[in-house]
Structure formats: C-alpha cells, structure tokens
Amino acid sequence: MTAIAITNQLLVHNEERPDAEVRLICFPYAGSTAQLFLRWSDYVPEWIAVSGFEMPAHGRRLCESKAIDDQTEAATYIADALMALVDRPYALFGHCLGAALAYEATRILQSRGAPQPLHFFSSGARAPHLGLPIANVNEMNDEDFIEHFGNVYGAPLGLLNDPHMRPYVLPMVRADASMTQNYHYDPGPPVTYGITAVAGEDDPDVDLEHLNEWGRHTTASVSTRLYPGNHFFFVEGAAQLLSDFTSEIESQLT
C-alpha cells in the first residue's frame, strides 16, 4: 500500500465541510475532470461533504504526472487514497469508467479489511461482469478518436479541438479510453454495501436490465432508476440526482 497525500488537487470541492457527518466522493467519466462536481455541495445538506476525486494527469493535475492506463493500477491508487478518508462514514459516486474504478477500489479495500462505503452510486455503467461498452478506440487515429467521442457520445471534449491544449489533454483522454476498452471483471467475493445504479433514459448503451445486474455483485440491496437524458444526464440533472442520493444516504445512517 502506498500513502497518497490528500491535497486540494486530489479532492476537488468548493466547501471543505470538516465537520460533515458523511463524505460523498465522486469519480468522473473517462477523459473528464473532478471539476464536474465542484458545485455539487450546493445540492446537499451541510452534513454531507462532497468532493470530486482527481486522478493523475486530469484537471488541475494535468501536468503533474502521466495518466494511468491500467485498471488495477488505477483502482489501487484510489484505494490507497481512500485509506486516509475512511475516518468517517463515506459514500461513493462514479460515472461510467469512474463507477468501474470506484467499485474495483472498494474490492481492494474489502480485501484489506478497511471500512466499506455506506452506499455506492453507479451512474451510466453496466454491472461489472458486462464490461464497459466502447468502440475499438485503441485502433483509431487521433482525428477519428476525437470525432467518435463527439458524435457517438456527445462528449464535451472541446479542449481536444484547441491546437494549444490538445498535446496536453489527448494523452490523458486516450489513456482513459484505453482503460475503458480494456476493463475486465475478475470474479471474487461480493461487496457488502448497498448499490444504487442509475442511467439516462436515452443512453444507447446502458438500460435497466444492465443496471439490475449489479445485484450479482453485492450481498446488500440494489435499487435502479432511469433519469431523463442521454449518457451524460447526471450533469444537468445533478439537483434531482443529489436529492435522491441524500435520502438514500440518510436512510443508511438511521
């Protein structure tokens, strides 16, 4: 296990809330940044501290180090960091690749005997054994790769069209995409926390059947919901999503 320094670059938030009863730690989708979650504190009560988890070479850490492109290395990095954050009850949210990596990190924590989350919120992700749907991006050249993500997913990847930023951003996005394409589930003991699996009604790759399959991976309960929108429904639907999540977290504390 490697000690990971918990800095404002790793945990992104607009309010620290040191006295909050519960941490909600959020993991973005491939090629994105934890800055997505900067305003999420606005939608939850004071007893929840929301932070986005920024991986190396993402967001404000863009020039800090090389992006991780191996799922085991990434999950271990997350687990090592979470070891310093389990001093109070915590819940995790992850979207797509972020959900897969957060889930894999909790499996590592479980193997270490570390505290498990109160609850896990998976967004836009099939159950682990179903993999993460993505085209063969590893074989695409840069131009085709960028066009694919814009056309197929409607991904907000505007920086990739900036000739000054592309050399910095593209390696990170490609590393994440490769990790998404190569993600695989290794069978093992189920986790013990409850799971809420959600997706957008118009997501072409994730439906209720895929969400219900999360039940194979926990000994606790699983609930599923669809929200209006596409694969990135959670961005504009954050207020309703976090209202629902708050109720579920609160129920775990009583």
Foldseek 3Di string as FASTA:
>chain_A
DDADDDDCQFWPEPDALPVAQEEEEEEEAFLAAFVLCHCLVVQADSNYHYTYGGAALHDVNVVVDAAAQALVVLLCVVLNHCLVVVPHAYEYEYAQLGLVSPQSNQVVCVVVVHDHHQEYEYELYFAQQVAGDDPPLVPDDPVVNVVCCCPVVVDPPVLCVPPVRVVRRVSRNVSSVSSRVPRHDDDDAAAAHEYEYEYEPAAPPDDPVRQVVNVVRYPDYYHYDYDHDYRPVCSVVVNVVVVVVNVVSVVSVD
